PDB file of N, CA and C in Angstrom:
ATOM      1  N   UNK A   1       0.831  -1.176   0.000  1.00  0.00           N
ATOM      2  CA  UNK A   1       0.000   0.000   0.000  1.00  0.00           C
ATOM      3  C   UNK A   1       0.877   1.241   0.000  1.00  0.00           C
ATOM      4  N   UNK A   2       0.645   2.157  -0.916  1.00  0.00           N
ATOM      5  CA  UNK A   2       1.436   3.389  -0.964  1.00  0.00           C
ATOM      6  C   UNK A   2       1.120   4.321   0.207  1.00  0.00           C
ATOM      7  N   UNK A   3       2.154   4.751   0.880  1.00  0.00           N
ATOM      8  CA  UNK A   3       2.051   5.779   1.909  1.00  0.00           C
ATOM      9  C   UNK A   3       2.973   6.903   1.466  1.00  0.00           C
ATOM     10  N   UNK A   4       2.395   8.094   1.309  1.00  0.00           N
ATOM     11  CA  UNK A   4       3.191   9.226   0.825  1.00  0.00           C
ATOM     12  C   UNK A   4       2.931  10.441   1.687  1.00  0.00           C
ATOM     13  N   UNK A   5       3.928  11.312   1.735  1.00  0.00           N
ATOM     14  CA  UNK A   5       3.741  12.576   2.449  1.00  0.00           C
ATOM     15  C   UNK A   5       4.019  13.727   1.490  1.00  0.00           C
ATOM     16  N   UNK A   6       3.243  14.776   1.666  1.00  0.00           N
ATOM     17  CA  UNK A   6       3.304  15.947   0.794  1.00  0.00           C
ATOM     18  C   UNK A   6       3.361  17.219   1.627  1.00  0.00           C
ATOM     19  N   UNK A   7       3.913  18.267   1.037  1.00  0.00           N
ATOM     20  CA  UNK A   7       3.767  19.620   1.552  1.00  0.00           C
ATOM     21  C   UNK A   7       2.742  20.295   0.650  1.00  0.00           C
ATOM     22  N   UNK A   8       1.678  20.793   1.247  1.00  0.00           N
ATOM     23  CA  UNK A   8       0.623  21.460   0.495  1.00  0.00           C
ATOM     24  C   UNK A   8       0.691  22.948   0.795  1.00  0.00           C
ATOM     25  N   UNK A   9       0.991  23.734  -0.226  1.00  0.00           N
ATOM     26  CA  UNK A   9       1.080  25.186  -0.096  1.00  0.00           C
ATOM     27  C   UNK A   9      -0.247  25.784  -0.556  1.00  0.00           C
ATOM     28  N   UNK A  10      -0.915  26.539   0.310  1.00  0.00           N
ATOM     29  CA  UNK A  10      -2.211  27.101  -0.065  1.00  0.00           C
ATOM     30  C   UNK A  10      -2.076  28.377  -0.897  1.00  0.00           C
ATOM     31  N   UNK A  11      -3.150  28.705  -1.606  1.00  0.00           N
ATOM     32  CA  UNK A  11      -3.242  30.020  -2.221  1.00  0.00           C
ATOM     33  C   UNK A  11      -3.211  31.048  -1.089  1.00  0.00           C
ATOM     34  N   UNK A  12      -2.906  32.287  -1.396  1.00  0.00           N
ATOM     35  CA  UNK A  12      -2.802  33.319  -0.372  1.00  0.00           C
ATOM     36  C   UNK A  12      -4.094  33.418   0.448  1.00  0.00           C
ATOM     37  N   UNK A  13      -3.946  33.390   1.757  1.00  0.00           N
ATOM     38  CA  UNK A  13      -5.062  33.481   2.722  1.00  0.00           C
ATOM     39  C   UNK A  13      -6.071  32.338   2.591  1.00  0.00           C
ATOM     40  N   UNK A  14      -5.658  31.176   2.099  1.00  0.00           N
ATOM     41  CA  UNK A  14      -6.565  30.045   1.903  1.00  0.00           C
ATOM     42  C   UNK A  14      -6.141  28.806   2.687  1.00  0.00           C
ATOM     43  N   UNK A  15      -5.282  28.968   3.695  1.00  0.00           N
ATOM     44  CA  UNK A  15      -4.785  27.812   4.446  1.00  0.00           C
ATOM     45  C   UNK A  15      -5.925  27.049   5.114  1.00  0.00           C
ATOM     46  N   UNK A  16      -6.854  27.754   5.742  1.00  0.00           N
ATOM     47  CA  UNK A  16      -7.954  27.086   6.438  1.00  0.00           C
ATOM     48  C   UNK A  16      -8.863  26.365   5.442  1.00  0.00           C
ATOM     49  N   UNK A  17      -9.144  26.992   4.313  1.00  0.00           N
ATOM     50  CA  UNK A  17      -9.988  26.365   3.289  1.00  0.00           C
ATOM     51  C   UNK A  17      -9.323  25.103   2.749  1.00  0.00           C
ATOM     52  N   UNK A  18      -8.013  25.157   2.537  1.00  0.00           N
ATOM     53  CA  UNK A  18      -7.284  23.991   2.056  1.00  0.00           C
ATOM     54  C   UNK A  18      -7.283  22.895   3.120  1.00  0.00           C
ATOM     55  N   UNK A  19      -7.069  23.274   4.364  1.00  0.00           N
ATOM     56  CA  UNK A  19      -7.097  22.303   5.456  1.00  0.00           C
ATOM     57  C   UNK A  19      -8.443  21.577   5.489  1.00  0.00           C
ATOM     58  N   UNK A  20      -9.527  22.326   5.396  1.00  0.00           N
ATOM     59  CA  UNK A  20     -10.865  21.734   5.452  1.00  0.00           C
ATOM     60  C   UNK A  20     -11.123  20.811   4.263  1.00  0.00           C
ATOM     61  N   UNK A  21     -10.700  21.231   3.069  1.00  0.00           N
ATOM     62  CA  UNK A  21     -10.918  20.407   1.873  1.00  0.00           C
ATOM     63  C   UNK A  21     -10.129  19.103   1.949  1.00  0.00           C
ATOM     64  N   UNK A  22      -8.878  19.175   2.353  1.00  0.00           N
ATOM     65  CA  UNK A  22      -8.056  17.971   2.443  1.00  0.00           C
ATOM     66  C   UNK A  22      -8.523  17.054   3.574  1.00  0.00           C
ATOM     67  N   UNK A  23      -8.994  17.635   4.661  1.00  0.00           N
ATOM     68  CA  UNK A  23      -9.444  16.845   5.803  1.00  0.00           C
ATOM     69  C   UNK A  23     -10.686  16.013   5.482  1.00  0.00           C
ATOM     70  N   UNK A  24     -11.443  16.425   4.495  1.00  0.00           N
ATOM     71  CA  UNK A  24     -12.645  15.689   4.097  1.00  0.00           C
ATOM     72  C   UNK A  24     -12.318  14.418   3.315  1.00  0.00           C
ATOM     73  N   UNK A  25     -11.093  14.297   2.841  1.00  0.00           N
ATOM     74  CA  UNK A  25     -10.682  13.142   2.048  1.00  0.00           C
ATOM     75  C   UNK A  25     -10.238  12.035   3.006  1.00  0.00           C
ATOM     76  N   UNK A  26     -10.907  10.904   2.906  1.00  0.00           N
ATOM     77  CA  UNK A  26     -10.698   9.800   3.858  1.00  0.00           C
ATOM     78  C   UNK A  26      -9.250   9.316   3.916  1.00  0.00           C
ATOM     79  N   UNK A  27      -8.558   9.274   2.795  1.00  0.00           N
ATOM     80  CA  UNK A  27      -7.199   8.727   2.756  1.00  0.00           C
ATOM     81  C   UNK A  27      -6.127   9.724   3.179  1.00  0.00           C
ATOM     82  N   UNK A  28      -6.529  10.916   3.625  1.00  0.00           N
ATOM     83  CA  UNK A  28      -5.564  11.960   3.988  1.00  0.00           C
ATOM     84  C   UNK A  28      -5.580  12.261   5.476  1.00  0.00           C
ATOM     85  N   UNK A  29      -4.390  12.401   6.024  1.00  0.00           N
ATOM     86  CA  UNK A  29      -4.227  12.971   7.355  1.00  0.00           C
ATOM     87  C   UNK A  29      -3.531  14.305   7.157  1.00  0.00           C
ATOM     88  N   UNK A  30      -4.094  15.364   7.704  1.00  0.00           N
ATOM     89  CA  UNK A  30      -3.587  16.719   7.457  1.00  0.00           C
ATOM     90  C   UNK A  30      -3.109  17.333   8.758  1.00  0.00           C
ATOM     91  N   UNK A  31      -1.883  17.880   8.716  1.00  0.00           N
ATOM     92  CA  UNK A  31      -1.286  18.503   9.889  1.00  0.00           C
ATOM     93  C   UNK A  31      -0.854  19.918   9.499  1.00  0.00           C
ATOM     94  N   UNK A  32      -1.431  20.944  10.116  1.00  0.00           N
ATOM     95  CA  UNK A  32      -1.005  22.306   9.784  1.00  0.00           C
ATOM     96  C   UNK A  32       0.354  22.621  10.405  1.00  0.00           C
ATOM     97  N   UNK A  33       1.216  23.256   9.632  1.00  0.00           N
ATOM     98  CA  UNK A  33       2.504  23.702  10.161  1.00  0.00           C
ATOM     99  C   UNK A  33       2.266  24.893  11.082  1.00  0.00           C
ATOM    100  N   UNK A  34       2.999  24.958  12.168  1.00  0.00           N
ATOM    101  CA  UNK A  34       2.808  26.043  13.129  1.00  0.00           C
ATOM    102  C   UNK A  34       3.538  27.317  12.728  1.00  0.00           C
ATOM    103  N   UNK A  35       4.650  27.190  12.039  1.00  0.00           N
ATOM    104  CA  UNK A  35       5.464  28.373  11.752  1.00  0.00           C
ATOM    105  C   UNK A  35       5.544  28.717  10.265  1.00  0.00           C
ATOM    106  N   UNK A  36       4.794  28.026   9.424  1.00  0.00           N
ATOM    107  CA  UNK A  36       4.811  28.293   7.983  1.00  0.00           C
ATOM    108  C   UNK A  36       3.387  28.247   7.456  1.00  0.00           C
ATOM    109  N   UNK A  37       3.174  28.853   6.317  1.00  0.00           N
ATOM    110  CA  UNK A  37       1.858  28.840   5.680  1.00  0.00           C
ATOM    111  C   UNK A  37       1.774  27.628   4.760  1.00  0.00           C
ATOM    112  N   UNK A  38       1.770  26.443   5.375  1.00  0.00           N
ATOM    113  CA  UNK A  38       1.656  25.206   4.602  1.00  0.00           C
ATOM    114  C   UNK A  38       1.070  24.106   5.461  1.00  0.00           C
ATOM    115  N   UNK A  39       0.679  23.035   4.796  1.00  0.00           N
ATOM    116  CA  UNK A  39       0.100  21.875   5.468  1.00  0.00           C
ATOM    117  C   UNK A  39       0.927  20.646   5.131  1.00  0.00           C
ATOM    118  N   UNK A  40       1.034  19.741   6.068  1.00  0.00           N
ATOM    119  CA  UNK A  40       1.668  18.448   5.837  1.00  0.00           C
ATOM    120  C   UNK A  40       0.537  17.457   5.623  1.00  0.00           C
ATOM    121  N   UNK A  41       0.614  16.704   4.534  1.00  0.00           N
ATOM    122  CA  UNK A  41      -0.440  15.760   4.187  1.00  0.00           C
ATOM    123  C   UNK A  41       0.181  14.374   4.054  1.00  0.00           C
ATOM    124  N   UNK A  42      -0.371  13.408   4.783  1.00  0.00           N
ATOM    125  CA  UNK A  42       0.071  12.017   4.685  1.00  0.00           C
ATOM    126  C   UNK A  42      -1.086  11.228   4.098  1.00  0.00           C
ATOM    127  N   UNK A  43      -0.801  10.491   3.012  1.00  0.00           N
ATOM    128  CA  UNK A  43      -1.834   9.691   2.364  1.00  0.00           C
ATOM    129  C   UNK A  43      -1.539   8.210   2.548  1.00  0.00           C
ATOM    130  N   UNK A  44      -2.605   7.436   2.618  1.00  0.00           N
ATOM    131  CA  UNK A  44      -2.495   5.992   2.770  1.00  0.00           C
ATOM    132  C   UNK A  44      -3.567   5.371   1.884  1.00  0.00           C
ATOM    133  N   UNK A  45      -3.151   4.700   0.836  1.00  0.00           N
ATOM    134  CA  UNK A  45      -4.088   4.113  -0.120  1.00  0.00           C
ATOM    135  C   UNK A  45      -3.799   2.623  -0.291  1.00  0.00           C
ATOM    136  N   UNK A  46      -4.713   1.922  -0.977  1.00  0.00           N
ATOM    137  CA  UNK A  46      -4.579   0.473  -1.152  1.00  0.00           C
ATOM    138  C   UNK A  46      -3.817   0.066  -2.408  1.00  0.00           C
ATOM    139  N   UNK A  47      -3.634   0.993  -3.337  1.00  0.00           N
ATOM    140  CA  UNK A  47      -2.938   0.657  -4.581  1.00  0.00           C
ATOM    141  C   UNK A  47      -2.358   1.923  -5.202  1.00  0.00           C
ATOM    142  N   UNK A  48      -1.451   1.740  -6.146  1.00  0.00           N
ATOM    143  CA  UNK A  48      -0.881   2.887  -6.839  1.00  0.00           C
ATOM    144  C   UNK A  48      -1.955   3.593  -7.663  1.00  0.00           C
ATOM    145  N   UNK A  49      -2.880   2.821  -8.234  1.00  0.00           N
ATOM    146  CA  UNK A  49      -3.984   3.422  -9.005  1.00  0.00           C
ATOM    147  C   UNK A  49      -4.825   4.336  -8.114  1.00  0.00           C
ATOM    148  N   UNK A  50      -5.153   3.869  -6.910  1.00  0.00           N
ATOM    149  CA  UNK A  50      -5.922   4.692  -5.972  1.00  0.00           C
ATOM    150  C   UNK A  50      -5.133   5.934  -5.570  1.00  0.00           C
ATOM    151  N   UNK A  51      -3.821   5.785  -5.372  1.00  0.00           N
ATOM    152  CA  UNK A  51      -2.963   6.916  -5.019  1.00  0.00           C
ATOM    153  C   UNK A  51      -2.943   7.951  -6.143  1.00  0.00           C
ATOM    154  N   UNK A  52      -2.863   7.491  -7.400  1.00  0.00           N
ATOM    155  CA  UNK A  52      -2.858   8.410  -8.539  1.00  0.00           C
ATOM    156  C   UNK A  52      -4.157   9.209  -8.617  1.00  0.00           C
ATOM    157  N   UNK A  53      -5.291   8.538  -8.385  1.00  0.00           N
ATOM    158  CA  UNK A  53      -6.590   9.224  -8.393  1.00  0.00           C
ATOM    159  C   UNK A  53      -6.659  10.244  -7.254  1.00  0.00           C
ATOM    160  N   UNK A  54      -6.143   9.857  -6.094  1.00  0.00           N
ATOM    161  CA  UNK A  54      -6.148  10.751  -4.946  1.00  0.00           C
ATOM    162  C   UNK A  54      -5.305  11.995  -5.219  1.00  0.00           C
ATOM    163  N   UNK A  55      -4.146  11.808  -5.816  1.00  0.00           N
ATOM    164  CA  UNK A  55      -3.276  12.949  -6.111  1.00  0.00           C
ATOM    165  C   UNK A  55      -3.965  13.912  -7.077  1.00  0.00           C
ATOM    166  N   UNK A  56      -4.629  13.384  -8.100  1.00  0.00           N
ATOM    167  CA  UNK A  56      -5.360  14.249  -9.034  1.00  0.00           C
ATOM    168  C   UNK A  56      -6.472  15.001  -8.318  1.00  0.00           C
ATOM    169  N   UNK A  57      -7.173  14.314  -7.405  1.00  0.00           N
ATOM    170  CA  UNK A  57      -8.230  14.952  -6.628  1.00  0.00           C
ATOM    171  C   UNK A  57      -7.662  16.105  -5.800  1.00  0.00           C
ATOM    172  N   UNK A  58      -6.539  15.867  -5.131  1.00  0.00           N
ATOM    173  CA  UNK A  58      -5.927  16.912  -4.310  1.00  0.00           C
ATOM    174  C   UNK A  58      -5.462  18.083  -5.166  1.00  0.00           C
ATOM    175  N   UNK A  59      -4.863  17.797  -6.317  1.00  0.00           N
ATOM    176  CA  UNK A  59      -4.349  18.855  -7.180  1.00  0.00           C
ATOM    177  C   UNK A  59      -5.451  19.738  -7.759  1.00  0.00           C
ATOM    178  N   UNK A  60      -6.694  19.274  -7.754  1.00  0.00           N
ATOM    179  CA  UNK A  60      -7.806  20.050  -8.293  1.00  0.00           C
ATOM    180  C   UNK A  60      -8.527  20.892  -7.240  1.00  0.00           C
ATOM    181  N   UNK A  61      -8.028  20.946  -6.027  1.00  0.00           N
ATOM    182  CA  UNK A  61      -8.620  21.789  -4.984  1.00  0.00           C
ATOM    183  C   UNK A  61      -8.232  23.240  -5.265  1.00  0.00           C
ATOM    184  N   UNK A  62      -9.236  24.108  -5.348  1.00  0.00           N
ATOM    185  CA  UNK A  62      -9.006  25.512  -5.719  1.00  0.00           C
ATOM    186  C   UNK A  62      -8.062  26.261  -4.780  1.00  0.00           C
ATOM    187  N   UNK A  63      -8.094  25.939  -3.492  1.00  0.00           N
ATOM    188  CA  UNK A  63      -7.268  26.662  -2.525  1.00  0.00           C
ATOM    189  C   UNK A  63      -5.816  26.176  -2.494  1.00  0.00           C
ATOM    190  N   UNK A  64      -5.496  25.155  -3.299  1.00  0.00           N
ATOM    191  CA  UNK A  64      -4.129  24.629  -3.358  1.00  0.00           C
ATOM    192  C   UNK A  64      -3.304  25.390  -4.395  1.00  0.00           C
ATOM    193  N   UNK A  65      -2.145  25.860  -3.970  1.00  0.00           N
ATOM    194  CA  UNK A  65      -1.217  26.541  -4.886  1.00  0.00           C
ATOM    195  C   UNK A  65      -0.181  25.556  -5.420  1.00  0.00           C
ATOM    196  N   UNK A  66       0.389  24.731  -4.527  1.00  0.00           N
ATOM    197  CA  UNK A  66       1.454  23.810  -4.903  1.00  0.00           C
ATOM    198  C   UNK A  66       1.410  22.588  -4.006  1.00  0.00           C
ATOM    199  N   UNK A  67       1.553  21.407  -4.598  1.00  0.00           N
ATOM    200  CA  UNK A  67       1.616  20.155  -3.856  1.00  0.00           C
ATOM    201  C   UNK A  67       2.932  19.484  -4.212  1.00  0.00           C
ATOM    202  N   UNK A  68       3.786  19.274  -3.227  1.00  0.00           N
ATOM    203  CA  UNK A  68       5.067  18.630  -3.507  1.00  0.00           C
ATOM    204  C   UNK A  68       5.250  17.413  -2.610  1.00  0.00           C
ATOM    205  N   UNK A  69       5.574  16.281  -3.254  1.00  0.00           N
ATOM    206  CA  UNK A  69       5.786  15.061  -2.500  1.00  0.00           C
ATOM    207  C   UNK A  69       7.130  15.124  -1.786  1.00  0.00           C
ATOM    208  N   UNK A  70       7.123  14.714  -0.517  1.00  0.00           N
ATOM    209  CA  UNK A  70       8.333  14.719   0.294  1.00  0.00           C
ATOM    210  C   UNK A  70       8.901  13.316   0.397  1.00  0.00           C
ATOM    211  N   UNK A  71       8.010  12.338   0.555  1.00  0.00           N
ATOM    212  CA  UNK A  71       8.461  10.971   0.757  1.00  0.00           C
ATOM    213  C   UNK A  71       7.390  10.001   0.278  1.00  0.00           C
ATOM    214  N   UNK A  72       7.825   8.856  -0.206  1.00  0.00           N
ATOM    215  CA  UNK A  72       6.894   7.826  -0.622  1.00  0.00           C
ATOM    216  C   UNK A  72       7.386   6.452  -0.203  1.00  0.00           C
ATOM    217  N   UNK A  73       6.469   5.589   0.190  1.00  0.00           N
ATOM    218  CA  UNK A  73       6.814   4.247   0.629  1.00  0.00           C
ATOM    219  C   UNK A  73       5.721   3.316   0.152  1.00  0.00           C
ATOM    220  N   UNK A  74       6.095   2.175  -0.417  1.00  0.00           N
ATOM    221  CA  UNK A  74       5.116   1.239  -0.919  1.00  0.00           C
ATOM    222  C   UNK A  74       5.399  -0.142  -0.329  1.00  0.00           C
ATOM    223  N   UNK A  75       4.425  -0.664   0.402  1.00  0.00           N
ATOM    224  CA  UNK A  75       4.525  -2.009   0.972  1.00  0.00           C
ATOM    225  C   UNK A  75       3.897  -2.991  -0.001  1.00  0.00           C
ATOM    226  N   UNK A  76       4.679  -3.903  -0.552  1.00  0.00           N
ATOM    227  CA  UNK A  76       4.078  -4.875  -1.469  1.00  0.00           C
ATOM    228  C   UNK A  76       3.105  -5.802  -0.742  1.00  0.00           C
ATOM    229  N   UNK A  77       2.044  -6.188  -1.442  1.00  0.00           N
ATOM    230  CA  UNK A  77       1.067  -7.106  -0.853  1.00  0.00           C
ATOM    231  C   UNK A  77       1.629  -8.508  -0.876  1.00  0.00           C
ATOM    232  N   UNK A  78       1.408  -9.239   0.197  1.00  0.00           N
ATOM    233  CA  UNK A  78       1.784 -10.642   0.251  1.00  0.00           C
ATOM    234  C   UNK A  78       0.585 -11.463  -0.184  1.00  0.00           C
ATOM    235  N   UNK A  79       0.714 -12.209  -1.265  1.00  0.00           N
ATOM    236  CA  UNK A  79      -0.396 -12.998  -1.770  1.00  0.00           C
ATOM    237  C   UNK A  79      -0.441 -14.353  -1.130  1.00  0.00           C
TER     238      UNK A  79
END
């Protein structure tokens, strides 16, 4: 299962709106930075396909200015 972390930079004065939009997405855990105008987003999905759809969904949020991946980890499924 892909687990990835991102830095989400909001549009100017849109940090709270971005936080609320990302928090509504089940596969996202959102942590606001205390000293910067950005959010830390950790995603946990069941497949790379689901992760790709999630990333597109996040990138289409109006209050998002920039989404940059910081780290990615994929645990292979044991069949």
